[in-house]
Amino acid sequence: MAEAAKLEPPPIPQPLRFADSLGLSPVWIGGSLGAALLGGFLLLEWALGSFESMLAPDAPPERGEDFRVSLVMLVLAAYLPAAQMAGLRASRRAVEELRRLLHCSEDGFAALRGEMGSVHRLGYCCSAMAGLLIGILALVAVEPDWGVYGLLRHYPEAISHRILGPILGLLTGILVHSRISDSRRLSRLGRERVEVDLLDPRSLAPFARLGLQNALIFIGAISITLLFLADMGAAPGLVKLLVLLFLLYGAIATIGMVLPALGIRDRIREVKREALEDCRKRIRHTRDAWQAGSGGARGEGTGMADLLAYRSLIEAFPEWPFNAPLLTRLLLYLAIPLGSWIAGAMVERGLDRLLD
């Protein structure tokens, strides 16, 4: 009984389970959450009279900078839960697309699909706490003074940074743990349970598609983070923090893209090795029959030309499931941050004209 409890699949995080039970799409989650957060923040700013203070002729420039930084942080806070839901749906879709390659019963397949999005309690809690700690330390890195958490010393916009920073760290830690967990499960599935057909490389595309989805999720986070560049002078350490965030998100995007395909790459190597060994045996048998002068050798089994052609086909089979269209899509994804940076620059110029 104790052993069965150990093998029981770990639970899906409760907020994600609730959103999933309602059938909400990631776009709906992100849009509605973003509208609620931004609307609530703007309403609070209006109630506190912050707009009049920011638009006053003698208003310090950091008020406007802090206001824009708050808006970007709120957008990121809405994006991260939506990205986690998008990752869950992508993981389940990948398993469903691999159904015909899996040797398991319907109940076993349902269990495999249900595991996607689940987390190990200890790893989940550690990732969340690590993200929370990083979010706290990030604010100290931006302004190297523990006094940054003296909330009564700051404007409302700056206070929102002190609240949102740890929350963003927490959400990022949860998202990273979720994507790594699902990617490892799919990698293990590819290594242990997928039937590889060396004549149909397209059947293995779900592994690559999940990797690209993981990359897109963190590229999206990078794109939003790039909007902070419009206010690089808002704090002395902001530039260094942004560089670290770009490197962190970039590394996680790379890991998330490659990790789901690691298992199937090992499986492909194993199947190719077995197929090439069998092909060499058949070629050797055919050659020996010819050398022995067997008159029927040329008409028995597969001809030498066919065997050589088949060997070339096996050797050319890619060990990674990434094909040209998927790589082209990745290049298009990488262009998203550039568009975000341009949009951020345009918004900054528009706000400057409005406030002037």
Protein backbone atom coordinates (compact mmCIF):
# COMPACT_ATOMS: atom_id res chain seq x y z
CA MET A 1 0.00 0.00 0.00
CA ALA A 2 2.83 2.36 0.82
CA GLU A 3 4.53 1.46 -2.46
CA ALA A 4 1.34 2.24 -4.38
CA ALA A 5 1.20 5.64 -2.73
CA LYS A 6 4.74 6.36 -3.86
CA LEU A 7 3.86 5.49 -7.44
CA GLU A 8 0.71 7.61 -7.47
CA PRO A 9 1.01 10.42 -10.04
CA PRO A 10 1.68 13.78 -8.36
CA PRO A 11 -1.10 16.39 -8.58
CA ILE A 12 -1.56 19.23 -11.00
CA PRO A 13 -1.21 22.64 -9.26
CA GLN A 14 -4.63 23.73 -8.00
CA PRO A 15 -4.91 27.05 -9.94
CA LEU A 16 -4.00 25.23 -13.16
CA ARG A 17 -6.45 22.42 -12.36
CA PHE A 18 -9.24 24.95 -11.82
CA ALA A 19 -8.59 26.79 -15.08
CA ASP A 20 -8.29 23.50 -16.92
CA SER A 21 -11.59 22.22 -15.50
CA LEU A 22 -13.34 25.30 -16.88
CA GLY A 23 -11.88 24.67 -20.33
CA LEU A 24 -10.42 28.18 -20.51
CA SER A 25 -8.01 28.88 -23.35
CA PRO A 26 -4.58 30.37 -22.59
CA VAL A 27 -5.46 33.49 -24.58
CA TRP A 28 -8.64 33.98 -22.56
CA ILE A 29 -6.77 33.46 -19.29
CA GLY A 30 -4.00 35.88 -20.20
CA GLY A 31 -6.35 38.48 -21.66
CA SER A 32 -8.85 38.47 -18.81
CA LEU A 33 -6.17 38.39 -16.12
CA GLY A 34 -4.23 41.17 -17.84
CA ALA A 35 -7.35 43.32 -18.19
CA ALA A 36 -8.20 42.78 -14.52
CA LEU A 37 -4.70 43.59 -13.29
CA LEU A 38 -4.19 46.62 -15.51
CA GLY A 39 -7.71 47.90 -14.88
CA GLY A 40 -7.33 47.52 -11.12
CA PHE A 41 -3.95 49.23 -11.14
CA LEU A 42 -5.17 52.17 -13.22
CA LEU A 43 -8.25 52.53 -11.04
CA LEU A 44 -6.07 52.56 -7.92
CA GLU A 45 -3.76 55.16 -9.45
CA TRP A 46 -6.75 57.33 -10.27
CA ALA A 47 -8.18 56.94 -6.79
CA LEU A 48 -4.86 57.96 -5.21
CA GLY A 49 -4.53 60.98 -7.49
CA SER A 50 -1.30 59.68 -9.00
CA PHE A 51 -2.13 60.83 -12.52
CA GLU A 52 -2.34 64.46 -11.45
CA SER A 53 1.00 64.11 -9.64
CA MET A 54 2.71 62.51 -12.64
CA LEU A 55 1.37 65.12 -15.08
CA ALA A 56 2.33 68.07 -12.88
CA PRO A 57 5.08 70.30 -14.35
CA ASP A 58 7.35 69.72 -11.36
CA ALA A 59 6.78 65.95 -11.22
CA PRO A 60 10.03 63.94 -10.95
CA PRO A 61 10.78 61.92 -14.12
CA GLU A 62 11.05 58.68 -12.14
CA ARG A 63 7.29 58.76 -11.53
CA GLY A 64 6.62 58.16 -15.20
CA GLU A 65 9.35 55.55 -15.41
CA ASP A 66 8.00 53.67 -12.40
CA PHE A 67 4.50 53.83 -13.86
CA ARG A 68 5.60 52.26 -17.17
CA VAL A 69 7.66 49.60 -15.37
CA SER A 70 4.57 48.70 -13.33
CA LEU A 71 2.52 48.26 -16.49
CA VAL A 72 5.10 45.88 -17.98
CA MET A 73 5.29 43.89 -14.74
CA LEU A 74 1.50 43.52 -14.72
CA VAL A 75 1.52 42.28 -18.31
CA LEU A 76 4.18 39.73 -17.40
CA ALA A 77 2.16 38.66 -14.33
CA ALA A 78 -0.80 37.95 -16.61
CA TYR A 79 1.34 36.20 -19.22
CA LEU A 80 3.02 33.62 -16.99
CA PRO A 81 -0.14 31.75 -15.84
CA ALA A 82 -1.45 31.78 -19.41
CA ALA A 83 1.88 30.39 -20.60
CA GLN A 84 1.66 27.59 -18.07
CA MET A 85 -1.78 26.63 -19.37
CA ALA A 86 -0.51 26.77 -22.94
CA GLY A 87 2.33 24.44 -21.97
CA LEU A 88 -0.10 21.99 -20.36
CA ARG A 89 -2.28 21.90 -23.48
CA ALA A 90 0.77 21.44 -25.71
CA SER A 91 2.02 18.52 -23.58
CA ARG A 92 -1.31 16.74 -23.75
CA ARG A 93 -1.59 17.37 -27.48
CA ALA A 94 1.86 15.87 -28.02
CA VAL A 95 0.86 12.67 -26.19
CA GLU A 96 -2.39 12.44 -28.16
CA GLU A 97 -0.52 12.79 -31.46
CA LEU A 98 1.80 9.95 -30.44
CA ARG A 99 -1.09 7.60 -29.58
CA ARG A 100 -0.67 5.35 -32.62
CA LEU A 101 3.04 4.88 -31.85
CA LEU A 102 2.48 3.79 -28.25
CA HIS A 103 1.97 0.18 -27.25
CA CYS A 104 -0.38 0.55 -24.31
CA SER A 105 -4.02 0.04 -23.39
CA GLU A 106 -6.61 2.80 -23.39
CA ASP A 107 -6.38 3.02 -19.61
CA GLY A 108 -2.60 3.22 -19.80
CA PHE A 109 -2.80 5.96 -22.41
CA ALA A 110 -5.29 7.92 -20.30
CA ALA A 111 -2.86 7.68 -17.39
CA LEU A 112 0.02 8.93 -19.55
CA ARG A 113 -2.06 11.86 -20.76
CA GLY A 114 -3.21 12.66 -17.23
CA GLU A 115 0.36 12.85 -15.97
CA MET A 116 1.08 15.81 -18.22
CA GLY A 117 0.98 19.00 -16.19
CA SER A 118 1.42 17.19 -12.89
CA VAL A 119 4.26 18.10 -10.57
CA HIS A 120 6.26 16.50 -7.79
CA ARG A 121 5.34 18.24 -4.56
CA LEU A 122 8.88 18.72 -3.30
CA GLY A 123 10.25 19.96 -6.62
CA TYR A 124 7.24 22.21 -7.12
CA CYS A 125 7.63 23.82 -3.69
CA CYS A 126 11.40 24.21 -4.07
CA SER A 127 11.02 25.81 -7.52
CA ALA A 128 8.34 28.18 -6.24
CA MET A 129 10.40 29.21 -3.21
CA ALA A 130 13.54 29.62 -5.32
CA GLY A 131 11.64 31.86 -7.73
CA LEU A 132 10.22 33.87 -4.85
CA LEU A 133 13.69 34.39 -3.39
CA ILE A 134 15.12 35.39 -6.76
CA GLY A 135 12.27 37.88 -7.20
CA ILE A 136 13.10 39.47 -3.85
CA LEU A 137 16.84 39.59 -4.51
CA ALA A 138 16.25 41.01 -8.01
CA LEU A 139 14.79 44.20 -6.52
CA VAL A 140 17.80 44.55 -4.24
CA ALA A 141 20.09 44.04 -7.26
CA VAL A 142 18.28 46.81 -9.13
CA GLU A 143 18.59 49.17 -6.17
CA PRO A 144 21.44 47.85 -3.94
CA ASP A 145 19.78 48.70 -0.66
CA TRP A 146 17.50 46.58 1.53
CA GLY A 147 15.66 49.81 2.17
CA VAL A 148 13.90 49.33 -1.14
CA TYR A 149 11.34 47.33 0.84
CA GLY A 150 10.50 50.27 3.04
CA LEU A 151 7.12 50.70 1.35
CA LEU A 152 6.21 53.96 3.11
CA ARG A 153 9.24 55.63 1.54
CA HIS A 154 8.04 55.27 -2.05
CA TYR A 155 5.39 56.40 -4.50
CA PRO A 156 2.49 54.00 -5.23
CA GLU A 157 4.05 52.99 -8.55
CA ALA A 158 7.31 52.00 -6.86
CA ILE A 159 5.41 50.15 -4.13
CA SER A 160 3.80 47.99 -6.82
CA HIS A 161 7.30 46.91 -7.93
CA ARG A 162 8.04 45.61 -4.42
CA ILE A 163 4.85 43.55 -4.51
CA LEU A 164 5.02 42.31 -8.09
CA GLY A 165 8.73 41.40 -8.10
CA PRO A 166 8.44 38.41 -5.74
CA ILE A 167 5.17 37.33 -7.38
CA LEU A 168 6.82 37.29 -10.82
CA GLY A 169 9.71 35.25 -9.41
CA LEU A 170 7.25 32.78 -7.89
CA LEU A 171 5.28 32.41 -11.15
CA THR A 172 8.46 32.00 -13.17
CA GLY A 173 9.74 29.27 -10.87
CA ILE A 174 6.46 27.38 -11.16
CA LEU A 175 6.42 27.74 -14.95
CA VAL A 176 10.01 26.51 -15.32
CA HIS A 177 9.34 23.49 -13.12
CA SER A 178 6.16 22.65 -15.06
CA ARG A 179 7.83 22.82 -18.48
CA ILE A 180 10.89 20.84 -17.38
CA SER A 181 8.71 18.16 -15.77
CA ASP A 182 6.53 17.66 -18.85
CA SER A 183 9.54 17.71 -21.17
CA ARG A 184 11.28 15.02 -19.13
CA ARG A 185 8.14 12.87 -19.21
CA LEU A 186 7.87 13.12 -22.98
CA SER A 187 11.59 12.41 -23.33
CA ARG A 188 11.21 9.27 -21.23
CA LEU A 189 8.18 8.29 -23.28
CA GLY A 190 10.18 8.59 -26.48
CA ARG A 191 13.05 6.54 -25.09
CA GLU A 192 10.99 3.70 -23.62
CA ARG A 193 7.60 3.38 -25.30
CA VAL A 194 7.50 4.89 -28.79
CA GLU A 195 7.68 2.68 -31.87
CA VAL A 196 10.07 4.32 -34.37
CA ASP A 197 9.30 3.86 -38.08
CA LEU A 198 12.43 4.69 -40.07
CA LEU A 199 10.28 5.27 -43.16
CA ASP A 200 8.09 7.92 -41.50
CA PRO A 201 10.08 10.70 -39.79
CA ARG A 202 7.02 12.96 -39.68
CA SER A 203 5.38 10.71 -37.08
CA LEU A 204 7.97 11.93 -34.54
CA ALA A 205 7.21 15.62 -35.08
CA PRO A 206 5.22 15.95 -31.79
CA PHE A 207 8.50 15.84 -29.85
CA ALA A 208 9.85 18.77 -31.83
CA ARG A 209 6.58 20.67 -31.67
CA LEU A 210 6.50 20.50 -27.88
CA GLY A 211 10.09 21.72 -27.82
CA LEU A 212 9.17 24.66 -30.04
CA GLN A 213 6.17 25.41 -27.84
CA ASN A 214 8.45 25.51 -24.80
CA ALA A 215 10.81 27.83 -26.65
CA LEU A 216 7.92 30.06 -27.73
CA ILE A 217 6.70 30.35 -24.12
CA PHE A 218 10.03 31.70 -22.89
CA ILE A 219 10.63 33.77 -26.01
CA GLY A 220 7.31 35.42 -25.18
CA ALA A 221 8.61 36.17 -21.69
CA ILE A 222 11.76 37.65 -23.22
CA SER A 223 9.64 39.81 -25.52
CA ILE A 224 7.70 41.27 -22.62
CA THR A 225 10.88 41.76 -20.58
CA LEU A 226 12.38 43.73 -23.48
CA LEU A 227 9.76 46.42 -22.85
CA PHE A 228 11.74 47.34 -19.72
CA LEU A 229 14.47 48.68 -22.04
CA ALA A 230 12.35 51.76 -22.58
CA ASP A 231 13.17 52.77 -19.00
CA MET A 232 16.73 51.55 -18.53
CA GLY A 233 17.54 54.59 -16.41
CA ALA A 234 14.75 53.91 -13.90
CA ALA A 235 17.17 52.17 -11.51
CA PRO A 236 20.97 51.84 -11.38
CA GLY A 237 21.07 48.05 -11.68
CA LEU A 238 18.19 47.55 -14.13
CA VAL A 239 20.40 46.97 -17.17
CA LYS A 240 22.41 44.24 -15.43
CA LEU A 241 19.22 42.58 -14.21
CA LEU A 242 17.73 42.62 -17.72
CA VAL A 243 20.86 41.02 -19.15
CA LEU A 244 20.66 38.27 -16.53
CA LEU A 245 16.96 37.76 -17.26
CA PHE A 246 17.60 37.49 -21.00
CA LEU A 247 20.33 34.93 -20.43
CA LEU A 248 18.17 32.98 -17.99
CA TYR A 249 15.11 32.91 -20.21
CA GLY A 250 17.27 32.13 -23.25
CA ALA A 251 18.93 29.19 -21.49
CA ILE A 252 15.57 27.83 -20.31
CA ALA A 253 14.11 28.24 -23.81
CA THR A 254 17.00 26.23 -25.25
CA ILE A 255 16.66 23.50 -22.63
CA GLY A 256 12.90 23.40 -23.11
CA MET A 257 13.32 23.00 -26.86
CA VAL A 258 15.90 20.20 -26.74
CA LEU A 259 14.78 18.23 -23.67
CA PRO A 260 11.56 16.67 -25.08
CA ALA A 261 13.53 15.27 -28.05
CA LEU A 262 16.45 13.75 -26.11
CA GLY A 263 14.70 10.45 -25.44
CA ILE A 264 13.48 9.92 -28.98
CA ARG A 265 16.95 10.78 -30.28
CA ASP A 266 18.39 7.92 -28.20
CA ARG A 267 15.63 5.62 -29.43
CA ILE A 268 16.25 6.58 -33.06
CA ARG A 269 19.96 5.86 -32.65
CA GLU A 270 19.18 2.44 -31.21
CA VAL A 271 16.69 1.53 -33.98
CA LYS A 272 19.05 2.80 -36.68
CA ARG A 273 21.91 0.77 -35.26
CA GLU A 274 19.78 -2.39 -35.25
CA ALA A 275 18.45 -1.74 -38.76
CA LEU A 276 21.92 -1.06 -40.18
CA GLU A 277 23.30 -4.20 -38.58
CA ASP A 278 20.48 -6.25 -40.09
CA CYS A 279 21.07 -4.59 -43.45
CA ARG A 280 24.78 -5.39 -43.32
CA LYS A 281 23.99 -9.03 -42.61
CA ARG A 282 21.66 -9.20 -45.61
CA ILE A 283 24.21 -7.48 -47.86
CA ARG A 284 26.90 -9.87 -46.68
CA HIS A 285 24.63 -12.87 -47.27
CA THR A 286 23.79 -11.69 -50.79
CA ARG A 287 27.45 -11.04 -51.57
CA ASP A 288 28.48 -14.47 -50.29
CA ALA A 289 25.78 -16.13 -52.36
CA TRP A 290 27.03 -14.37 -55.48
CA GLN A 291 30.63 -15.27 -54.75
CA ALA A 292 29.59 -18.90 -54.30
CA GLY A 293 28.10 -18.79 -57.78
CA SER A 294 24.57 -19.65 -56.70
CA GLY A 295 22.42 -19.24 -59.75
CA GLY A 296 19.29 -18.38 -57.81
CA ALA A 297 20.96 -15.91 -55.49
CA ARG A 298 20.16 -12.97 -57.69
CA GLY A 299 16.48 -13.76 -57.64
CA GLU A 300 16.14 -14.60 -53.96
CA GLY A 301 15.08 -12.00 -51.40
CA THR A 302 16.02 -8.42 -51.81
CA GLY A 303 18.46 -7.43 -54.54
CA MET A 304 21.79 -5.85 -53.71
CA ALA A 305 20.75 -2.51 -55.23
CA ASP A 306 17.62 -2.40 -53.08
CA LEU A 307 19.61 -3.26 -49.96
CA LEU A 308 22.13 -0.50 -50.66
CA ALA A 309 19.35 1.98 -51.30
CA TYR A 310 17.61 0.95 -48.07
CA ARG A 311 20.87 1.33 -46.12
CA SER A 312 21.32 4.84 -47.51
CA LEU A 313 17.74 5.67 -46.50
CA ILE A 314 18.37 4.49 -42.95
CA GLU A 315 21.64 6.39 -42.68
CA ALA A 316 19.93 9.56 -43.87
CA PHE A 317 17.15 9.30 -41.28
CA PRO A 318 17.61 12.32 -38.93
CA GLU A 319 18.38 11.55 -35.30
CA TRP A 320 16.62 14.72 -34.17
CA PRO A 321 12.90 15.19 -35.01
CA PHE A 322 13.39 18.79 -36.13
CA ASN A 323 12.64 19.28 -39.82
CA ALA A 324 13.01 22.34 -42.02
CA PRO A 325 9.48 23.78 -41.52
CA LEU A 326 9.81 23.53 -37.74
CA LEU A 327 13.21 25.21 -37.77
CA THR A 328 11.78 27.95 -39.99
CA ARG A 329 9.04 28.45 -37.42
CA LEU A 330 11.70 28.75 -34.71
CA LEU A 331 13.41 31.52 -36.66
CA LEU A 332 10.08 33.35 -36.87
CA TYR A 333 9.67 32.95 -33.11
CA LEU A 334 13.09 34.52 -32.59
CA ALA A 335 11.90 37.61 -34.47
CA ILE A 336 9.18 38.23 -31.86
CA PRO A 337 11.51 39.92 -29.32
CA LEU A 338 12.71 42.34 -32.02
CA GLY A 339 9.11 43.33 -32.74
CA SER A 340 8.50 43.73 -29.03
CA TRP A 341 11.51 46.03 -28.67
CA ILE A 342 10.32 48.19 -31.60
CA ALA A 343 6.80 48.33 -30.16
CA GLY A 344 8.21 49.30 -26.76
CA ALA A 345 10.20 52.14 -28.29
CA MET A 346 7.11 53.40 -30.12
CA VAL A 347 5.00 53.28 -26.95
CA GLU A 348 7.70 55.15 -25.02
CA ARG A 349 7.82 57.90 -27.64
CA GLY A 350 4.03 58.14 -27.66
CA LEU A 351 3.86 58.43 -23.87
CA ASP A 352 6.59 61.05 -23.85
CA ARG A 353 4.62 63.17 -26.32
CA LEU A 354 1.45 62.70 -24.31
CA LEU A 355 3.08 63.70 -21.02
CA ASP A 356 4.86 66.62 -22.61
